Amino acid sequence: MDSLRMIETWPVPTAAAAVVRADGTVAGTHGPMERRFELASVTKPLAAYAVLVALEEGAVELDEPAGPEGATVRHLLAHTSGLAFDEHRAMAAPGTRRIYSNAGFETLADHVAKATEIPFPQYLREAVLDPLGMADTELPGSAAKDAVSTAADLVRFAAELQAPRLLHRTTLDEATSVVFPGLGGVLPGYGNQKPNDWGLGFEIRDSKSPHWTGASSSPRTFGHFGQSGTFLWVDPDAGAACVALTDRAFGPWAVEVWPVFTDAVLRDLGAVRP
């Protein structure tokens, strides 16, 4: 895919990118696929997937209490528990605001660890990483932001997000559909969004503007980006997913180049008319 070569022009020391079709085949790769990068908040979809496995195993339920008073597992996954961004204190009643929260995901991981009696990094490995063959991915700290991985490993996860083997399709469909619709909030790096739509651990593109995906990305596009200059999106209408990892912190450079890159990828896939 010619579009993937665009990462060579990004103002970053190192970048790797890949596109995966809905049938699991790799449409193209560019850059060091086996190099490990810090994922930052691209950790969250991995953590959320482990929580969803715990849900299907019966270890937790979406509507059981977790986190601050009145909050549930569902609230924590959807960033509506009311917890602050990086502090374990409530800023709003559950379900009333979309407050993007690292603390919420850390609370979620603690809740699953207690329910399963397995440390969350180990549960993530046993539930998600090992079954998908993601041998170069690990979580050495926070379930919100501390995973490290390779583009090659995230290709495997991107394939799973399109044709799930570890979850029932209905569970994944719920996780990638809007939860608590209509809530406004801040999308980190992109300001206030109304609505600021999320699923269960996945950000939903919907009609957000500005946004880190492309102008031609479908409203159903879901995924996550990270402050370490990383992203993963799945566009069901295009029948493909894209992973990009870099070693430069997110900033104006990413705001400028990521949407143009995504639009070029979608054109290469034939999802957008030239």
Protein backbone atom coordinates (compact mmCIF):
# COMPACT_ATOMS: atom_id res chain seq x y z
CA MET A 1 0.00 0.00 0.00
CA ASP A 2 1.60 3.26 -1.15
CA SER A 3 -0.18 5.21 1.59
CA LEU A 4 1.81 3.47 4.33
CA ARG A 5 5.02 5.03 3.03
CA MET A 6 3.67 8.37 4.25
CA ILE A 7 4.99 7.53 7.72
CA GLU A 8 8.49 8.21 6.36
CA THR A 9 7.56 11.90 6.18
CA TRP A 10 6.29 12.08 9.76
CA PRO A 11 8.48 14.17 12.11
CA VAL A 12 9.24 11.19 14.34
CA PRO A 13 12.42 9.17 14.95
CA THR A 14 10.74 5.83 14.24
CA ALA A 15 7.33 4.71 13.00
CA ALA A 16 5.66 1.46 12.00
CA ALA A 17 2.25 1.00 10.41
CA ALA A 18 0.04 -1.77 9.11
CA VAL A 19 -3.39 -2.30 7.59
CA VAL A 20 -5.45 -5.42 8.26
CA ARG A 21 -8.52 -6.43 6.29
CA ALA A 22 -11.68 -7.73 7.90
CA ASP A 23 -10.80 -11.29 6.86
CA GLY A 24 -7.54 -11.06 8.82
CA THR A 25 -5.23 -10.70 5.83
CA VAL A 26 -2.60 -7.99 5.99
CA ALA A 27 -3.07 -5.41 3.25
CA GLY A 28 0.32 -3.83 3.88
CA THR A 29 3.01 -2.94 6.39
CA HIS A 30 5.79 -0.37 6.61
CA GLY A 31 8.49 0.21 9.18
CA PRO A 32 9.94 -2.03 11.91
CA MET A 33 7.07 -4.39 12.66
CA GLU A 34 8.90 -6.21 15.47
CA ARG A 35 10.10 -3.12 17.34
CA ARG A 36 8.47 -2.58 20.71
CA PHE A 37 6.81 0.79 21.34
CA GLU A 38 5.10 2.26 24.38
CA LEU A 39 1.36 2.22 23.64
CA ALA A 40 0.18 4.83 26.16
CA SER A 41 -3.64 4.84 26.00
CA VAL A 42 -3.80 2.27 23.20
CA THR A 43 -3.38 0.08 26.30
CA LYS A 44 -7.05 0.71 27.10
CA PRO A 45 -8.62 -1.34 24.26
CA LEU A 46 -6.42 -4.29 25.25
CA ALA A 47 -7.44 -3.93 28.90
CA ALA A 48 -11.09 -3.53 27.92
CA TYR A 49 -10.93 -6.71 25.86
CA ALA A 50 -9.69 -8.62 28.89
CA VAL A 51 -12.58 -7.20 30.93
CA LEU A 52 -15.01 -8.37 28.24
CA VAL A 53 -13.52 -11.87 28.41
CA ALA A 54 -14.03 -11.76 32.19
CA LEU A 55 -17.62 -10.76 31.51
CA GLU A 56 -18.23 -13.74 29.23
CA GLU A 57 -16.54 -16.04 31.74
CA GLY A 58 -18.98 -14.84 34.40
CA ALA A 59 -16.29 -13.33 36.63
CA VAL A 60 -17.85 -9.85 36.40
CA GLU A 61 -21.08 -8.29 35.17
CA LEU A 62 -21.46 -4.98 33.36
CA ASP A 63 -23.96 -3.62 35.83
CA GLU A 64 -22.35 -4.71 39.08
CA PRO A 65 -21.02 -1.98 41.38
CA ALA A 66 -17.43 -0.91 40.77
CA GLY A 67 -15.55 2.29 41.50
CA PRO A 68 -17.20 5.31 43.13
CA GLU A 69 -20.64 5.09 44.71
CA GLY A 70 -23.33 4.41 42.14
CA ALA A 71 -20.87 3.43 39.41
CA THR A 72 -20.64 0.07 37.63
CA VAL A 73 -18.24 -1.85 35.41
CA ARG A 74 -20.15 -0.42 32.45
CA HIS A 75 -19.60 3.15 33.69
CA LEU A 76 -15.87 2.54 34.14
CA LEU A 77 -15.47 1.08 30.64
CA ALA A 78 -17.40 3.96 29.08
CA HIS A 79 -15.63 6.77 30.98
CA THR A 80 -18.84 7.75 32.74
CA SER A 81 -18.04 6.71 36.32
CA GLY A 82 -17.39 10.33 37.29
CA LEU A 83 -13.78 9.65 38.27
CA ALA A 84 -11.21 12.33 37.47
CA PHE A 85 -8.64 11.93 34.69
CA ASP A 86 -5.69 10.83 36.81
CA GLU A 87 -7.03 10.96 40.35
CA HIS A 88 -9.17 8.53 42.26
CA ARG A 89 -11.77 11.14 43.18
CA ALA A 90 -15.28 11.62 41.85
CA MET A 91 -16.00 14.76 39.84
CA ALA A 92 -19.56 13.95 38.73
CA ALA A 93 -22.38 11.51 39.38
CA PRO A 94 -22.08 8.27 37.39
CA GLY A 95 -23.67 8.42 33.95
CA THR A 96 -23.92 12.21 33.75
CA ARG A 97 -20.66 13.22 32.03
CA ARG A 98 -18.03 11.64 29.81
CA ILE A 99 -14.87 12.21 31.85
CA TYR A 100 -11.95 10.42 30.23
CA SER A 101 -10.26 8.65 33.13
CA ASN A 102 -7.04 6.71 33.56
CA ALA A 103 -8.08 6.26 37.18
CA GLY A 104 -11.27 4.57 35.97
CA PHE A 105 -9.32 1.93 34.04
CA GLU A 106 -6.99 1.34 36.96
CA THR A 107 -10.06 0.86 39.18
CA LEU A 108 -11.49 -1.51 36.59
CA ALA A 109 -8.30 -3.59 36.53
CA ASP A 110 -8.30 -3.82 40.32
CA HIS A 111 -11.94 -4.91 40.25
CA VAL A 112 -11.25 -7.71 37.75
CA ALA A 113 -8.15 -8.81 39.65
CA LYS A 114 -10.16 -9.12 42.83
CA ALA A 115 -13.00 -10.98 41.08
CA THR A 116 -10.71 -13.45 39.32
CA GLU A 117 -8.02 -13.64 42.03
CA ILE A 118 -5.47 -13.13 39.25
CA PRO A 119 -3.25 -10.02 38.92
CA PHE A 120 -4.61 -8.02 35.99
CA PRO A 121 -1.42 -8.12 33.85
CA GLN A 122 -1.47 -11.92 34.18
CA TYR A 123 -5.19 -12.06 33.39
CA LEU A 124 -4.64 -9.92 30.29
CA ARG A 125 -1.92 -12.29 29.14
CA GLU A 126 -3.95 -15.44 29.74
CA ALA A 127 -7.23 -14.05 28.38
CA VAL A 128 -6.05 -12.05 25.37
CA LEU A 129 -2.33 -11.88 24.62
CA ASP A 130 -1.41 -15.57 24.66
CA PRO A 131 -4.50 -16.77 22.74
CA LEU A 132 -3.80 -14.20 20.00
CA GLY A 133 -0.07 -14.97 19.86
CA MET A 134 0.91 -11.49 21.07
CA ALA A 135 4.17 -12.67 22.62
CA ASP A 136 5.90 -9.28 22.44
CA THR A 137 3.16 -7.39 24.29
CA GLU A 138 3.18 -6.89 28.05
CA LEU A 139 1.60 -4.73 30.72
CA PRO A 140 4.24 -3.77 33.29
CA GLY A 141 2.09 -1.21 35.09
CA SER A 142 -1.16 0.73 34.71
CA ALA A 143 -4.00 -0.87 32.74
CA ALA A 144 -4.75 2.63 31.44
CA LYS A 145 -1.44 3.46 29.79
CA ASP A 146 1.60 1.26 30.41
CA ALA A 147 1.47 -1.55 27.82
CA VAL A 148 4.28 -2.05 25.32
CA SER A 149 3.78 -3.84 22.03
CA THR A 150 4.80 -4.17 18.40
CA ALA A 151 2.96 -3.38 15.20
CA ALA A 152 3.08 -7.10 14.38
CA ASP A 153 1.28 -7.96 17.62
CA LEU A 154 -1.31 -5.23 17.16
CA VAL A 155 -2.05 -6.60 13.69
CA ARG A 156 -3.23 -9.74 15.48
CA PHE A 157 -5.41 -7.69 17.81
CA ALA A 158 -6.79 -5.66 14.89
CA ALA A 159 -7.79 -8.90 13.18
CA GLU A 160 -9.54 -10.04 16.38
CA LEU A 161 -11.46 -6.77 16.55
CA GLN A 162 -12.91 -7.50 13.11
CA ALA A 163 -13.50 -11.25 13.36
CA PRO A 164 -13.59 -12.10 17.08
CA ARG A 165 -12.48 -15.52 18.27
CA LEU A 166 -12.12 -14.75 21.98
CA LEU A 167 -15.53 -13.06 22.36
CA HIS A 168 -18.99 -13.59 20.97
CA ARG A 169 -19.74 -11.20 18.13
CA THR A 170 -22.66 -9.73 20.08
CA THR A 171 -20.34 -8.78 22.96
CA LEU A 172 -17.92 -7.03 20.63
CA ASP A 173 -20.77 -5.28 18.81
CA GLU A 174 -22.02 -3.90 22.11
CA ALA A 175 -18.53 -2.79 23.10
CA THR A 176 -18.07 -0.91 19.82
CA SER A 177 -21.48 0.78 19.86
CA VAL A 178 -22.30 4.00 21.71
CA VAL A 179 -22.91 3.55 25.44
CA PHE A 180 -24.71 6.32 27.35
CA PRO A 181 -25.43 8.24 24.12
CA GLY A 182 -25.59 12.02 24.04
CA LEU A 183 -23.08 12.73 26.80
CA GLY A 184 -20.60 15.52 26.18
CA GLY A 185 -17.04 15.68 27.36
CA VAL A 186 -13.44 16.41 26.46
CA LEU A 187 -11.68 14.21 23.92
CA PRO A 188 -8.02 14.51 25.01
CA GLY A 189 -6.07 16.60 22.54
CA TYR A 190 -9.21 17.63 20.63
CA GLY A 191 -11.25 19.62 23.14
CA ASN A 192 -14.92 19.52 24.06
CA GLN A 193 -17.10 17.23 21.94
CA LYS A 194 -20.89 17.11 22.05
CA PRO A 195 -21.64 14.30 21.94
CA ASN A 196 -18.41 12.61 23.01
CA ASP A 197 -19.37 9.08 22.07
CA TRP A 198 -17.69 5.97 23.45
CA GLY A 199 -18.38 2.29 23.61
CA LEU A 200 -17.02 -0.08 26.26
CA GLY A 201 -13.34 0.82 26.18
CA PHE A 202 -13.38 1.98 22.57
CA GLU A 203 -13.80 5.52 21.29
CA ILE A 204 -16.49 5.83 18.60
CA ARG A 205 -15.79 8.32 15.83
CA ASP A 206 -19.42 9.18 15.08
CA SER A 207 -19.65 12.86 14.06
CA LYS A 208 -16.74 14.18 16.15
CA SER A 209 -14.85 17.13 14.71
CA PRO A 210 -11.95 17.65 14.97
CA HIS A 211 -10.83 14.03 15.20
CA TRP A 212 -7.69 11.95 14.88
CA THR A 213 -9.12 9.66 12.17
CA GLY A 214 -9.83 10.83 8.61
CA ALA A 215 -12.47 13.06 7.11
CA SER A 216 -13.58 10.01 5.12
CA SER A 217 -13.64 7.64 8.11
CA SER A 218 -17.11 6.21 8.66
CA PRO A 219 -19.08 7.23 11.77
CA ARG A 220 -18.88 3.59 12.92
CA THR A 221 -15.08 3.76 13.13
CA PHE A 222 -13.81 2.80 16.57
CA GLY A 223 -10.45 2.55 18.27
CA HIS A 224 -8.05 4.59 20.39
CA PHE A 225 -4.99 6.79 20.21
CA GLY A 226 -2.21 7.22 22.71
CA GLN A 227 -0.12 10.12 24.01
CA SER A 228 3.01 8.23 22.94
CA GLY A 229 2.10 8.91 19.29
CA THR A 230 0.20 5.68 18.65
CA PHE A 231 -3.20 4.71 17.30
CA LEU A 232 -5.39 1.82 16.26
CA TRP A 233 -8.67 2.25 14.36
CA VAL A 234 -11.18 -0.16 12.89
CA ASP A 235 -13.52 1.08 10.16
CA PRO A 236 -16.27 -1.54 9.70
CA ASP A 237 -17.59 0.20 6.58
CA ALA A 238 -14.14 0.05 4.96
CA GLY A 239 -13.64 -3.54 6.11
CA ALA A 240 -10.22 -2.77 7.51
CA ALA A 241 -8.18 -1.68 10.51
CA CYS A 242 -5.02 0.38 10.78
CA VAL A 243 -2.23 0.45 13.37
CA ALA A 244 0.43 3.15 13.65
CA LEU A 245 3.13 3.27 16.33
CA THR A 246 5.76 5.98 16.83
CA ASP A 247 8.27 7.04 19.45
CA ARG A 248 7.31 10.71 19.58
CA ALA A 249 4.71 12.07 21.99
CA PHE A 250 1.35 13.10 20.54
CA GLY A 251 1.15 16.77 19.63
CA PRO A 252 0.34 19.19 16.80
CA TRP A 253 2.37 17.06 14.41
CA ALA A 254 -0.03 14.14 14.92
CA VAL A 255 -3.12 16.34 14.63
CA GLU A 256 -1.78 17.42 11.23
CA VAL A 257 -0.61 14.13 9.71
CA TRP A 258 -2.85 11.39 11.10
CA PRO A 259 -6.13 12.34 9.36
CA VAL A 260 -4.39 12.84 6.00
CA PHE A 261 -2.72 9.46 6.42
CA THR A 262 -5.99 7.74 7.30
CA ASP A 263 -7.75 9.24 4.29
CA ALA A 264 -4.92 8.00 2.06
CA VAL A 265 -5.18 4.50 3.55
CA LEU A 266 -8.94 4.46 2.92
CA ARG A 267 -8.38 5.56 -0.68
CA ASP A 268 -5.86 2.75 -1.16
CA LEU A 269 -8.45 0.32 0.16
CA GLY A 270 -11.01 1.62 -2.33
CA ALA A 271 -13.19 2.86 0.51
CA VAL A 272 -13.03 6.43 -0.79
CA ARG A 273 -13.26 7.67 -4.35
CA PRO A 274 -10.02 9.32 -5.56
